[in-house]
Amino acid sequence: RTFAAGVPARWVVGDCIYGSEELRHWLEAQGRAYLFAVTSTHAIWEQGEQIGAADLMARHPELGWVRWSAGEGSQGPRRSDWAWMRLPYTPHARASAPSMAHWLLIRRSLSLPEEYAYYRVYGPETTSLPETTSLPELSAVAGQRWQIEVAFEGAKGEVGLDEYEVRLAQAWYRHITLALLAYAALVVARSTMAKKGA
């Protein structure tokens, strides 16, 4: 419905629970770029076999790590080490869209270098075209997921997003919808006031 309404979005981003094969294939058929967090055991095909994301990373020690910030956090830039590798999948062909490709994106913690986060990515092919995908862009896109977490925490604290005692799905849906609408109104009002310098 969001796409049908013409809401502009270059990327669809989400946590592990959103990276289902069905959703990923639907987005690819629509020509939509996505970046979804996946688990370390997320299955990826390589050389005729399925292998987990962590095992695939270990199989490729030649990956080059680059230190980037995924955006500003409450304590300054959120820096991590990042690496990516192209996956051998054939993208959906769409005449109206740029050439697309699949990647595995990996984030390594600076404070705990044994901790990794993995992402399945589908986006514009890295070519000389104006619309391409780069490692710095992907780290910034991955960082946008934290904005969602910040928004949920804000909505819980300011409009009671998590303060419901309902037993029916319809009542839950109404509460969540109203709370998020109220929070959106607050965010827009704050932004408007900030632009006016108030």
C-alpha atoms as a PDB file:
ATOM      1  CA  ARG A   1       0.000   0.000   0.000  1.00  0.00           C
ATOM      2  CA  THR A   2       2.922   2.320   0.727  1.00  0.00           C
ATOM      3  CA  PHE A   3       4.351   1.882  -2.761  1.00  0.00           C
ATOM      4  CA  ALA A   4       0.897   2.202  -4.338  1.00  0.00           C
ATOM      5  CA  ALA A   5       0.439   5.520  -2.507  1.00  0.00           C
ATOM      6  CA  GLY A   6       3.651   6.807  -4.086  1.00  0.00           C
ATOM      7  CA  VAL A   7       5.609   7.166  -0.838  1.00  0.00           C
ATOM      8  CA  PRO A   8       9.248   7.701  -1.892  1.00  0.00           C
ATOM      9  CA  ALA A   9      11.653   5.097  -0.520  1.00  0.00           C
ATOM     10  CA  ARG A  10      15.020   4.100  -1.959  1.00  0.00           C
ATOM     11  CA  TRP A  11      15.459   1.193   0.468  1.00  0.00           C
ATOM     12  CA  VAL A  12      13.280  -1.190   2.477  1.00  0.00           C
ATOM     13  CA  VAL A  13      15.046  -1.920   5.771  1.00  0.00           C
ATOM     14  CA  GLY A  14      14.189  -4.305   8.581  1.00  0.00           C
ATOM     15  CA  ASP A  15      15.258  -6.711  11.304  1.00  0.00           C
ATOM     16  CA  CYS A  16      15.642 -10.475  10.985  1.00  0.00           C
ATOM     17  CA  ILE A  17      11.926 -11.157  11.284  1.00  0.00           C
ATOM     18  CA  TYR A  18      11.242  -9.183   8.082  1.00  0.00           C
ATOM     19  CA  GLY A  19      13.829 -10.858   5.866  1.00  0.00           C
ATOM     20  CA  SER A  20      11.661 -13.798   4.855  1.00  0.00           C
ATOM     21  CA  GLU A  21      12.257 -15.349   1.462  1.00  0.00           C
ATOM     22  CA  GLU A  22       8.711 -14.519   0.366  1.00  0.00           C
ATOM     23  CA  LEU A  23       9.069 -10.801   1.154  1.00  0.00           C
ATOM     24  CA  ARG A  24      12.528 -10.597  -0.397  1.00  0.00           C
ATOM     25  CA  HIS A  25      11.329 -12.205  -3.636  1.00  0.00           C
ATOM     26  CA  TRP A  26       8.305  -9.901  -3.771  1.00  0.00           C
ATOM     27  CA  LEU A  27      10.502  -6.814  -3.347  1.00  0.00           C
ATOM     28  CA  GLU A  28      12.884  -8.060  -6.025  1.00  0.00           C
ATOM     29  CA  ALA A  29       9.987  -8.582  -8.443  1.00  0.00           C
ATOM     30  CA  GLN A  30       8.933  -4.982  -7.713  1.00  0.00           C
ATOM     31  CA  GLY A  31      12.455  -3.720  -8.394  1.00  0.00           C
ATOM     32  CA  ARG A  32      12.784  -2.472  -4.805  1.00  0.00           C
ATOM     33  CA  ALA A  33      16.133  -2.341  -3.013  1.00  0.00           C
ATOM     34  CA  TYR A  34      16.238  -3.860   0.463  1.00  0.00           C
ATOM     35  CA  LEU A  35      18.575  -4.427   3.399  1.00  0.00           C
ATOM     36  CA  PHE A  36      17.433  -6.936   6.041  1.00  0.00           C
ATOM     37  CA  ALA A  37      19.323  -8.112   9.101  1.00  0.00           C
ATOM     38  CA  VAL A  38      19.750 -11.884   9.108  1.00  0.00           C
ATOM     39  CA  THR A  39      21.044 -14.400  11.619  1.00  0.00           C
ATOM     40  CA  SER A  40      24.531 -15.918  11.502  1.00  0.00           C
ATOM     41  CA  THR A  41      22.940 -19.189  10.345  1.00  0.00           C
ATOM     42  CA  HIS A  42      20.944 -17.552   7.517  1.00  0.00           C
ATOM     43  CA  ALA A  43      21.280 -19.937   4.557  1.00  0.00           C
ATOM     44  CA  ILE A  44      23.004 -18.662   1.409  1.00  0.00           C
ATOM     45  CA  TRP A  45      23.733 -20.725  -1.694  1.00  0.00           C
ATOM     46  CA  GLU A  46      27.361 -20.831  -2.821  1.00  0.00           C
ATOM     47  CA  GLN A  47      28.955 -23.369  -5.153  1.00  0.00           C
ATOM     48  CA  GLY A  48      25.892 -25.607  -5.126  1.00  0.00           C
ATOM     49  CA  GLU A  49      25.476 -25.829  -1.352  1.00  0.00           C
ATOM     50  CA  GLN A  50      23.694 -23.930   1.376  1.00  0.00           C
ATOM     51  CA  ILE A  51      25.951 -22.339   3.942  1.00  0.00           C
ATOM     52  CA  GLY A  52      25.267 -20.066   6.906  1.00  0.00           C
ATOM     53  CA  ALA A  53      26.218 -16.390   6.719  1.00  0.00           C
ATOM     54  CA  ALA A  54      28.921 -16.752   9.410  1.00  0.00           C
ATOM     55  CA  ASP A  55      30.412 -19.824   7.708  1.00  0.00           C
ATOM     56  CA  LEU A  56      30.354 -18.025   4.363  1.00  0.00           C
ATOM     57  CA  MET A  57      32.280 -15.112   5.867  1.00  0.00           C
ATOM     58  CA  ALA A  58      34.838 -17.533   7.357  1.00  0.00           C
ATOM     59  CA  ARG A  59      35.230 -19.167   3.945  1.00  0.00           C
ATOM     60  CA  HIS A  60      36.333 -15.820   2.471  1.00  0.00           C
ATOM     61  CA  PRO A  61      39.227 -14.457   4.551  1.00  0.00           C
ATOM     62  CA  GLU A  62      40.110 -12.130   1.678  1.00  0.00           C
ATOM     63  CA  LEU A  63      37.245  -9.801   2.610  1.00  0.00           C
ATOM     64  CA  GLY A  64      38.566  -6.292   3.145  1.00  0.00           C
ATOM     65  CA  TRP A  65      37.319  -4.511   6.252  1.00  0.00           C
ATOM     66  CA  VAL A  66      36.642  -0.789   6.222  1.00  0.00           C
ATOM     67  CA  ARG A  67      35.837   1.415   9.213  1.00  0.00           C
ATOM     68  CA  TRP A  68      32.719   3.542   8.688  1.00  0.00           C
ATOM     69  CA  SER A  69      30.147   5.315  10.776  1.00  0.00           C
ATOM     70  CA  ALA A  70      26.578   4.078  10.347  1.00  0.00           C
ATOM     71  CA  GLY A  71      25.305   7.485  11.480  1.00  0.00           C
ATOM     72  CA  GLU A  72      25.123   9.608  14.595  1.00  0.00           C
ATOM     73  CA  GLY A  73      24.108   8.001  17.856  1.00  0.00           C
ATOM     74  CA  SER A  74      23.450   9.412  21.314  1.00  0.00           C
ATOM     75  CA  GLN A  75      27.198   9.211  22.039  1.00  0.00           C
ATOM     76  CA  GLY A  76      28.518  10.339  18.652  1.00  0.00           C
ATOM     77  CA  PRO A  77      29.230   8.458  15.417  1.00  0.00           C
ATOM     78  CA  ARG A  78      28.367   4.743  15.487  1.00  0.00           C
ATOM     79  CA  ARG A  79      31.595   3.363  14.039  1.00  0.00           C
ATOM     80  CA  SER A  80      32.068  -0.266  13.073  1.00  0.00           C
ATOM     81  CA  ASP A  81      34.160  -2.332  10.707  1.00  0.00           C
ATOM     82  CA  TRP A  82      32.250  -3.287   7.542  1.00  0.00           C
ATOM     83  CA  ALA A  83      32.797  -5.801   4.753  1.00  0.00           C
ATOM     84  CA  TRP A  84      30.632  -7.019   1.895  1.00  0.00           C
ATOM     85  CA  MET A  85      30.640  -9.687  -0.727  1.00  0.00           C
ATOM     86  CA  ARG A  86      28.676 -10.146  -3.915  1.00  0.00           C
ATOM     87  CA  LEU A  87      26.365 -13.175  -3.876  1.00  0.00           C
ATOM     88  CA  PRO A  88      26.005 -15.381  -6.962  1.00  0.00           C
ATOM     89  CA  TYR A  89      22.274 -14.867  -7.461  1.00  0.00           C
ATOM     90  CA  THR A  90      20.576 -13.850 -10.689  1.00  0.00           C
ATOM     91  CA  PRO A  91      18.512 -10.715 -10.043  1.00  0.00           C
ATOM     92  CA  HIS A  92      15.022 -10.151 -11.442  1.00  0.00           C
ATOM     93  CA  ALA A  93      15.277  -8.304 -14.753  1.00  0.00           C
ATOM     94  CA  ARG A  94      13.194  -5.138 -15.063  1.00  0.00           C
ATOM     95  CA  ALA A  95      13.551  -2.922 -18.104  1.00  0.00           C
ATOM     96  CA  SER A  96      12.672   0.231 -16.134  1.00  0.00           C
ATOM     97  CA  ALA A  97      15.124  -0.418 -13.277  1.00  0.00           C
ATOM     98  CA  PRO A  98      18.928  -0.298 -13.099  1.00  0.00           C
ATOM     99  CA  SER A  99      20.825  -3.580 -13.064  1.00  0.00           C
ATOM    100  CA  MET A 100      20.479  -5.088  -9.589  1.00  0.00           C
ATOM    101  CA  ALA A 101      22.698  -7.385  -7.522  1.00  0.00           C
ATOM    102  CA  HIS A 102      22.736  -9.325  -4.233  1.00  0.00           C
ATOM    103  CA  TRP A 103      25.248  -8.931  -1.389  1.00  0.00           C
ATOM    104  CA  LEU A 104      26.010 -10.129   2.092  1.00  0.00           C
ATOM    105  CA  LEU A 105      26.928  -7.150   4.281  1.00  0.00           C
ATOM    106  CA  ILE A 106      28.823  -7.782   7.530  1.00  0.00           C
ATOM    107  CA  ARG A 107      29.333  -5.460  10.493  1.00  0.00           C
ATOM    108  CA  ARG A 108      32.016  -6.140  13.105  1.00  0.00           C
ATOM    109  CA  SER A 109      31.889  -4.464  16.510  1.00  0.00           C
ATOM    110  CA  LEU A 110      34.909  -2.350  17.478  1.00  0.00           C
ATOM    111  CA  SER A 111      34.515  -2.935  21.213  1.00  0.00           C
ATOM    112  CA  LEU A 112      33.753  -6.665  20.795  1.00  0.00           C
ATOM    113  CA  PRO A 113      35.545  -7.749  17.584  1.00  0.00           C
ATOM    114  CA  GLU A 114      34.207 -11.299  17.896  1.00  0.00           C
ATOM    115  CA  GLU A 115      30.653  -9.973  17.428  1.00  0.00           C
ATOM    116  CA  TYR A 116      29.264  -9.744  13.905  1.00  0.00           C
ATOM    117  CA  ALA A 117      25.960  -8.672  12.389  1.00  0.00           C
ATOM    118  CA  TYR A 118      24.844  -9.880   8.960  1.00  0.00           C
ATOM    119  CA  TYR A 119      22.564  -8.315   6.345  1.00  0.00           C
ATOM    120  CA  ARG A 120      21.032  -9.564   3.083  1.00  0.00           C
ATOM    121  CA  VAL A 121      21.120  -6.790   0.503  1.00  0.00           C
ATOM    122  CA  TYR A 122      19.540  -6.290  -2.908  1.00  0.00           C
ATOM    123  CA  GLY A 123      20.275  -3.039  -4.711  1.00  0.00           C
ATOM    124  CA  PRO A 124      21.548  -1.269  -7.806  1.00  0.00           C
ATOM    125  CA  GLU A 125      24.586  -2.914  -9.372  1.00  0.00           C
ATOM    126  CA  THR A 126      27.944  -1.274  -8.660  1.00  0.00           C
ATOM    127  CA  THR A 127      28.726   0.160 -12.086  1.00  0.00           C
ATOM    128  CA  SER A 128      29.397   3.523 -13.667  1.00  0.00           C
ATOM    129  CA  LEU A 129      25.670   4.307 -13.596  1.00  0.00           C
ATOM    130  CA  PRO A 130      24.642   7.297 -11.475  1.00  0.00           C
ATOM    131  CA  GLU A 131      22.479   5.068  -9.255  1.00  0.00           C
ATOM    132  CA  THR A 132      24.830   2.514  -7.743  1.00  0.00           C
ATOM    133  CA  THR A 133      25.394   0.808  -4.415  1.00  0.00           C
ATOM    134  CA  SER A 134      28.538   1.366  -2.343  1.00  0.00           C
ATOM    135  CA  LEU A 135      29.787   0.040   0.974  1.00  0.00           C
ATOM    136  CA  PRO A 136      29.515   3.463   2.701  1.00  0.00           C
ATOM    137  CA  GLU A 137      25.931   3.790   1.477  1.00  0.00           C
ATOM    138  CA  LEU A 138      25.032   0.320   2.762  1.00  0.00           C
ATOM    139  CA  SER A 139      26.495   1.038   6.201  1.00  0.00           C
ATOM    140  CA  ALA A 140      24.390   4.219   6.335  1.00  0.00           C
ATOM    141  CA  VAL A 141      21.288   2.308   5.218  1.00  0.00           C
ATOM    142  CA  ALA A 142      21.914  -0.337   7.894  1.00  0.00           C
ATOM    143  CA  GLY A 143      22.205   2.494  10.414  1.00  0.00           C
ATOM    144  CA  GLN A 144      18.690   3.653   9.543  1.00  0.00           C
ATOM    145  CA  ARG A 145      17.350   0.578  11.331  1.00  0.00           C
ATOM    146  CA  TRP A 146      18.382   2.201  14.613  1.00  0.00           C
ATOM    147  CA  GLN A 147      16.143   5.162  13.822  1.00  0.00           C
ATOM    148  CA  ILE A 148      13.207   2.753  13.917  1.00  0.00           C
ATOM    149  CA  GLU A 149      14.289   1.532  17.370  1.00  0.00           C
ATOM    150  CA  VAL A 150      14.658   5.137  18.564  1.00  0.00           C
ATOM    151  CA  ALA A 151      11.170   5.946  17.236  1.00  0.00           C
ATOM    152  CA  PHE A 152       9.640   2.937  19.006  1.00  0.00           C
ATOM    153  CA  GLU A 153      11.301   3.920  22.286  1.00  0.00           C
ATOM    154  CA  GLY A 154      10.068   7.500  21.843  1.00  0.00           C
ATOM    155  CA  ALA A 155       6.527   6.326  21.101  1.00  0.00           C
ATOM    156  CA  LYS A 156       6.569   4.083  24.180  1.00  0.00           C
ATOM    157  CA  GLY A 157       7.716   6.932  26.411  1.00  0.00           C
ATOM    158  CA  GLU A 158       5.646   9.786  24.956  1.00  0.00           C
ATOM    159  CA  VAL A 159       2.361   8.292  23.749  1.00  0.00           C
ATOM    160  CA  GLY A 160       2.126   4.929  25.519  1.00  0.00           C
ATOM    161  CA  LEU A 161       2.722   2.672  22.534  1.00  0.00           C
ATOM    162  CA  ASP A 162       3.267  -0.298  24.863  1.00  0.00           C
ATOM    163  CA  GLU A 163       0.573   0.661  27.414  1.00  0.00           C
ATOM    164  CA  TYR A 164      -2.283  -1.524  26.250  1.00  0.00           C
ATOM    165  CA  GLU A 165      -4.339  -4.231  27.900  1.00  0.00           C
ATOM    166  CA  VAL A 166      -6.267  -5.773  25.060  1.00  0.00           C
ATOM    167  CA  ARG A 167      -7.136  -9.332  24.145  1.00  0.00           C
ATOM    168  CA  LEU A 168      -8.381  -8.910  20.598  1.00  0.00           C
ATOM    169  CA  ALA A 169      -6.249  -8.208  17.543  1.00  0.00           C
ATOM    170  CA  GLN A 170      -8.573  -5.448  16.324  1.00  0.00           C
ATOM    171  CA  ALA A 171      -8.292  -3.549  19.615  1.00  0.00           C
ATOM    172  CA  TRP A 172      -4.508  -3.955  19.590  1.00  0.00           C
ATOM    173  CA  TYR A 173      -4.374  -2.687  15.992  1.00  0.00           C
ATOM    174  CA  ARG A 174      -6.462   0.368  16.890  1.00  0.00           C
ATOM    175  CA  HIS A 175      -4.286   1.202  19.890  1.00  0.00           C
ATOM    176  CA  ILE A 176      -1.024   0.852  17.953  1.00  0.00           C
ATOM    177  CA  THR A 177      -2.363   2.874  15.023  1.00  0.00           C
ATOM    178  CA  LEU A 178      -3.601   5.712  17.227  1.00  0.00           C
ATOM    179  CA  ALA A 179      -0.380   5.790  19.279  1.00  0.00           C
ATOM    180  CA  LEU A 180       1.836   5.903  16.170  1.00  0.00           C
ATOM    181  CA  LEU A 181      -0.361   8.599  14.606  1.00  0.00           C
ATOM    182  CA  ALA A 182      -0.066  10.690  17.778  1.00  0.00           C
ATOM    183  CA  TYR A 183       3.696  10.176  17.853  1.00  0.00           C
ATOM    184  CA  ALA A 184       3.989  11.151  14.168  1.00  0.00           C
ATOM    185  CA  ALA A 185       2.084  14.377  14.916  1.00  0.00           C
ATOM    186  CA  LEU A 186       4.521  15.160  17.750  1.00  0.00           C
ATOM    187  CA  VAL A 187       7.564  14.485  15.542  1.00  0.00           C
ATOM    188  CA  VAL A 188       6.210  16.743  12.765  1.00  0.00           C
ATOM    189  CA  ALA A 189       5.349  19.489  15.270  1.00  0.00           C
ATOM    190  CA  ARG A 190       8.848  19.344  16.808  1.00  0.00           C
ATOM    191  CA  SER A 191      10.447  19.447  13.361  1.00  0.00           C
ATOM    192  CA  THR A 192       8.323  22.417  12.333  1.00  0.00           C
ATOM    193  CA  MET A 193       9.208  24.306  15.510  1.00  0.00           C
ATOM    194  CA  ALA A 194      12.905  23.539  15.070  1.00  0.00           C
ATOM    195  CA  LYS A 195      12.853  24.907  11.512  1.00  0.00           C
ATOM    196  CA  LYS A 196      11.221  28.090  12.776  1.00  0.00           C
ATOM    197  CA  GLY A 197      13.928  28.406  15.421  1.00  0.00           C
ATOM    198  CA  ALA A 198      11.467  28.233  18.304  1.00  0.00           C
END
